[in-house]
Amino acid sequence: MRILILGATGRTGKLILQEALQQGYEVNVLVRDRSLMSVHPVLTVFEGSPADSKMLNNAMKGCDAILSALNISRNSDFPWARLRTPQDFLSKVAELIIDLAPQNNIDRIIITSAWGTSDTRGEIPWWFKWVIDNSNVGVAYSDHERQEGLFAASVLNYTIVRPSGLVNSAKRKPVIVSLNNQPKPRFTISRGDVAGFILQVLQDNLFVRQMPVISA
């Protein structure tokens, strides 16, 4: 199976790419700077923005599924840091995927979002709601919600993965999958565990047209 990974140079996307190659998938990536990618015999690198329809269409060709770890990025992890990407970046790319994927016979889409979007907002701690409402973190959450709505209204077989707080721990833990706040999510999950979960969802065709929250 050949898959397209978007966001493959990001902190979570790098691990999704690594996991996919280790599991034997053939992989296309679309990145802004191809010099950031290492050479691999089953990796094909396309250079450009996923918000560019022509570039995205070219990168999709020959693929069976799309995995996206795209996000609204800031200049640093500081919640009030300036944005590096447009405020509607995720929803714009979602619109393009929904338009172009059927033209390329791609039906399976797995997207990373975040715990605290849409119907899960009531599940997160009050202090995190405050950060979302009063900093640039909220820009990402708003656009995550827009992309979730776009995929939910599409005919594609999507899975929206909503991780809890992302940490960089190398230690892998069993992933807790929560639907409708059951079981109650824990506060964090490692990026490596997110990557492993996404590849499991792809391999076993899990949570089709669902939006599971994951924690560990």
Protein backbone atom coordinates (compact mmCIF):
# COMPACT_ATOMS: atom_id res chain seq x y z
CA MET A 1 0.00 0.00 0.00
CA ARG A 2 1.22 3.49 -0.84
CA ILE A 3 0.17 6.33 1.46
CA LEU A 4 0.53 10.09 1.42
CA ILE A 5 1.70 11.68 4.67
CA LEU A 6 1.13 15.41 5.19
CA GLY A 7 3.04 17.23 7.91
CA ALA A 8 5.91 14.74 7.72
CA THR A 9 8.51 17.23 8.97
CA GLY A 10 6.58 18.11 12.14
CA ARG A 11 7.21 16.58 15.54
CA THR A 12 4.36 14.09 15.26
CA GLY A 13 4.51 13.73 11.49
CA LYS A 14 8.16 12.62 11.61
CA LEU A 15 7.18 9.75 13.86
CA ILE A 16 4.22 8.78 11.66
CA LEU A 17 6.59 8.67 8.69
CA GLN A 18 9.15 6.63 10.63
CA GLU A 19 6.48 4.18 11.79
CA ALA A 20 5.04 3.82 8.27
CA LEU A 21 8.43 3.07 6.72
CA GLN A 22 9.26 0.57 9.47
CA GLN A 23 5.98 -1.22 8.77
CA GLY A 24 6.79 -1.52 5.07
CA TYR A 25 4.45 1.07 3.56
CA GLU A 26 5.44 2.89 0.40
CA VAL A 27 5.16 6.58 1.23
CA ASN A 28 4.69 9.87 -0.57
CA VAL A 29 5.29 13.08 1.39
CA LEU A 30 4.56 16.67 0.45
CA VAL A 31 6.91 19.06 2.26
CA ARG A 32 7.95 22.66 1.87
CA ASP A 33 11.68 21.85 1.95
CA ARG A 34 12.78 18.52 0.49
CA SER A 35 16.27 18.98 1.96
CA LEU A 36 14.78 18.13 5.38
CA MET A 37 13.95 14.59 4.21
CA SER A 38 16.32 11.63 4.31
CA VAL A 39 16.63 9.32 1.32
CA HIS A 40 14.72 6.04 1.62
CA PRO A 41 14.08 3.45 -1.14
CA VAL A 42 10.27 3.50 -0.74
CA LEU A 43 9.92 7.24 0.04
CA THR A 44 8.92 9.70 -2.70
CA VAL A 45 9.28 13.36 -1.79
CA PHE A 46 7.20 16.13 -3.35
CA GLU A 47 8.10 19.73 -2.58
CA GLY A 48 5.39 22.34 -2.10
CA SER A 49 2.46 23.36 0.06
CA PRO A 50 -0.51 21.07 0.73
CA ALA A 51 -2.65 24.20 0.35
CA ASP A 52 -1.63 24.25 -3.34
CA SER A 53 -4.19 22.21 -5.28
CA LYS A 54 -1.81 21.18 -8.06
CA MET A 55 0.96 20.15 -5.68
CA LEU A 56 -1.42 18.18 -3.47
CA ASN A 57 -2.97 16.42 -6.45
CA ASN A 58 0.45 15.38 -7.74
CA ALA A 59 1.44 14.00 -4.34
CA MET A 60 -1.79 11.97 -4.10
CA LYS A 61 -1.27 10.05 -7.32
CA GLY A 62 -0.92 6.29 -6.80
CA CYS A 63 -1.83 6.48 -3.11
CA ASP A 64 -4.45 4.41 -1.29
CA ALA A 65 -4.79 6.56 1.85
CA ILE A 66 -3.86 9.95 3.28
CA LEU A 67 -2.49 10.52 6.80
CA SER A 68 -2.23 14.11 7.99
CA ALA A 69 -0.43 15.54 11.01
CA LEU A 70 -0.77 19.12 9.82
CA ASN A 71 -1.40 21.85 12.37
CA ILE A 72 -1.55 25.62 12.74
CA SER A 73 2.02 26.31 13.79
CA ARG A 74 3.47 29.13 15.90
CA ASN A 75 7.00 30.51 16.15
CA SER A 76 7.41 28.70 19.48
CA ASP A 77 5.42 26.63 21.98
CA PHE A 78 4.54 29.81 23.88
CA PRO A 79 0.71 30.04 23.57
CA TRP A 80 0.86 33.71 22.53
CA ALA A 81 3.64 33.25 19.95
CA ARG A 82 2.93 34.57 16.46
CA LEU A 83 1.42 32.23 13.91
CA ARG A 84 3.54 30.82 11.09
CA THR A 85 0.62 29.47 9.06
CA PRO A 86 -2.65 31.04 7.91
CA GLN A 87 -5.54 30.80 10.35
CA ASP A 88 -7.56 28.68 7.89
CA PHE A 89 -4.69 26.44 6.76
CA LEU A 90 -6.21 23.16 8.02
CA SER A 91 -9.69 23.77 6.68
CA LYS A 92 -8.34 24.91 3.32
CA VAL A 93 -6.30 21.71 2.99
CA ALA A 94 -9.34 19.69 4.13
CA GLU A 95 -11.43 21.22 1.34
CA LEU A 96 -8.76 20.28 -1.19
CA ILE A 97 -8.50 16.72 0.11
CA ILE A 98 -12.28 16.28 -0.03
CA ASP A 99 -12.27 17.52 -3.63
CA LEU A 100 -9.16 15.74 -4.91
CA ALA A 101 -9.17 12.41 -3.05
CA PRO A 102 -12.13 10.90 -4.98
CA GLN A 103 -10.53 11.98 -8.26
CA ASN A 104 -7.50 9.89 -7.26
CA ASN A 105 -9.58 6.92 -6.02
CA ILE A 106 -8.57 7.61 -2.41
CA ASP A 107 -11.26 6.95 0.18
CA ARG A 108 -9.34 6.48 3.45
CA ILE A 109 -8.30 9.62 5.31
CA ILE A 110 -6.82 9.78 8.84
CA ILE A 111 -6.37 13.26 10.32
CA THR A 112 -4.94 14.45 13.64
CA SER A 113 -7.02 16.98 15.54
CA ALA A 114 -7.06 17.63 19.30
CA TRP A 115 -8.92 16.74 22.47
CA GLY A 116 -11.06 19.73 23.39
CA THR A 117 -12.50 20.43 19.96
CA SER A 118 -16.24 20.54 19.23
CA ASP A 119 -18.19 18.06 21.37
CA THR A 120 -15.15 17.28 23.56
CA ARG A 121 -14.65 20.85 24.80
CA GLY A 122 -16.58 20.10 27.98
CA GLU A 123 -14.16 17.29 28.83
CA ILE A 124 -10.99 19.37 29.16
CA PRO A 125 -9.84 21.20 32.33
CA TRP A 126 -11.03 24.78 32.90
CA TRP A 127 -7.51 26.19 32.76
CA PHE A 128 -6.96 24.72 29.30
CA LYS A 129 -10.24 26.21 28.08
CA TRP A 130 -8.92 29.56 29.31
CA VAL A 131 -5.67 29.14 27.32
CA ILE A 132 -7.63 28.20 24.19
CA ASP A 133 -9.94 31.19 24.57
CA ASN A 134 -7.20 33.73 25.34
CA SER A 135 -4.19 32.81 23.20
CA ASN A 136 -3.18 31.76 19.70
CA VAL A 137 -3.75 28.13 20.71
CA GLY A 138 -7.41 28.92 20.07
CA VAL A 139 -6.71 29.64 16.39
CA ALA A 140 -5.60 26.05 15.88
CA TYR A 141 -8.58 24.69 17.80
CA SER A 142 -11.02 26.73 15.73
CA ASP A 143 -9.54 25.47 12.47
CA HIS A 144 -9.39 21.89 13.75
CA GLU A 145 -13.12 22.22 14.38
CA ARG A 146 -13.70 23.54 10.87
CA GLN A 147 -11.80 20.65 9.29
CA GLU A 148 -13.66 18.14 11.46
CA GLY A 149 -16.95 19.55 10.22
CA LEU A 150 -15.84 19.39 6.61
CA PHE A 151 -14.85 15.74 6.81
CA ALA A 152 -18.00 14.84 8.76
CA ALA A 153 -20.09 16.33 5.94
CA SER A 154 -18.10 14.50 3.23
CA VAL A 155 -18.59 10.99 1.86
CA LEU A 156 -15.01 9.97 2.65
CA ASN A 157 -14.11 7.24 5.12
CA TYR A 158 -12.27 9.49 7.53
CA THR A 159 -10.97 8.98 11.05
CA ILE A 160 -10.31 12.12 13.10
CA VAL A 161 -7.81 11.27 15.86
CA ARG A 162 -8.01 13.65 18.85
CA PRO A 163 -4.91 13.26 21.05
CA SER A 164 -4.82 14.68 24.56
CA GLY A 165 -1.79 16.80 25.53
CA LEU A 166 1.18 15.81 23.37
CA VAL A 167 4.49 15.01 25.07
CA ASN A 168 7.82 13.90 23.65
CA SER A 169 8.44 10.92 25.93
CA ALA A 170 10.16 8.00 24.20
CA LYS A 171 8.46 5.51 26.51
CA ARG A 172 5.51 3.81 24.84
CA LYS A 173 2.34 3.14 26.84
CA PRO A 174 -0.96 1.39 26.11
CA VAL A 175 -3.26 3.82 24.31
CA ILE A 176 -6.62 4.62 25.91
CA VAL A 177 -9.33 5.20 23.31
CA SER A 178 -12.30 7.30 24.48
CA LEU A 179 -15.62 7.90 22.75
CA ASN A 180 -18.25 10.14 24.38
CA ASN A 181 -15.82 10.68 27.29
CA GLN A 182 -15.77 6.94 28.10
CA PRO A 183 -13.40 6.01 29.54
CA LYS A 184 -12.36 9.44 30.79
CA PRO A 185 -9.19 10.45 28.93
CA ARG A 186 -5.91 11.04 30.71
CA PHE A 187 -4.19 14.37 30.24
CA THR A 188 -1.26 13.37 28.01
CA ILE A 189 -0.04 11.01 25.32
CA SER A 190 3.37 10.71 23.66
CA ARG A 191 3.76 11.63 20.01
CA GLY A 192 5.16 8.15 19.41
CA ASP A 193 1.99 6.57 20.76
CA VAL A 194 -0.09 8.80 18.48
CA ALA A 195 1.95 7.67 15.49
CA GLY A 196 1.59 4.02 16.40
CA PHE A 197 -2.16 4.41 16.90
CA ILE A 198 -2.63 6.11 13.53
CA LEU A 199 -0.83 3.30 11.71
CA GLN A 200 -2.93 0.73 13.60
CA VAL A 201 -6.11 2.57 12.56
CA LEU A 202 -4.94 2.42 8.95
CA GLN A 203 -3.87 -1.22 9.05
CA ASP A 204 -7.01 -2.54 10.77
CA ASN A 205 -9.45 0.00 9.25
CA LEU A 206 -10.61 1.13 12.69
CA PHE A 207 -12.94 3.96 13.78
CA VAL A 208 -14.26 4.71 10.31
CA ARG A 209 -16.22 8.00 10.30
CA GLN A 210 -15.49 8.43 14.01
CA MET A 211 -13.47 10.90 16.09
CA PRO A 212 -11.80 8.99 18.95
CA VAL A 213 -9.94 10.78 21.73
CA ILE A 214 -6.66 9.05 22.61
CA SER A 215 -4.51 9.31 25.72
CA ALA A 216 -2.05 7.13 27.59
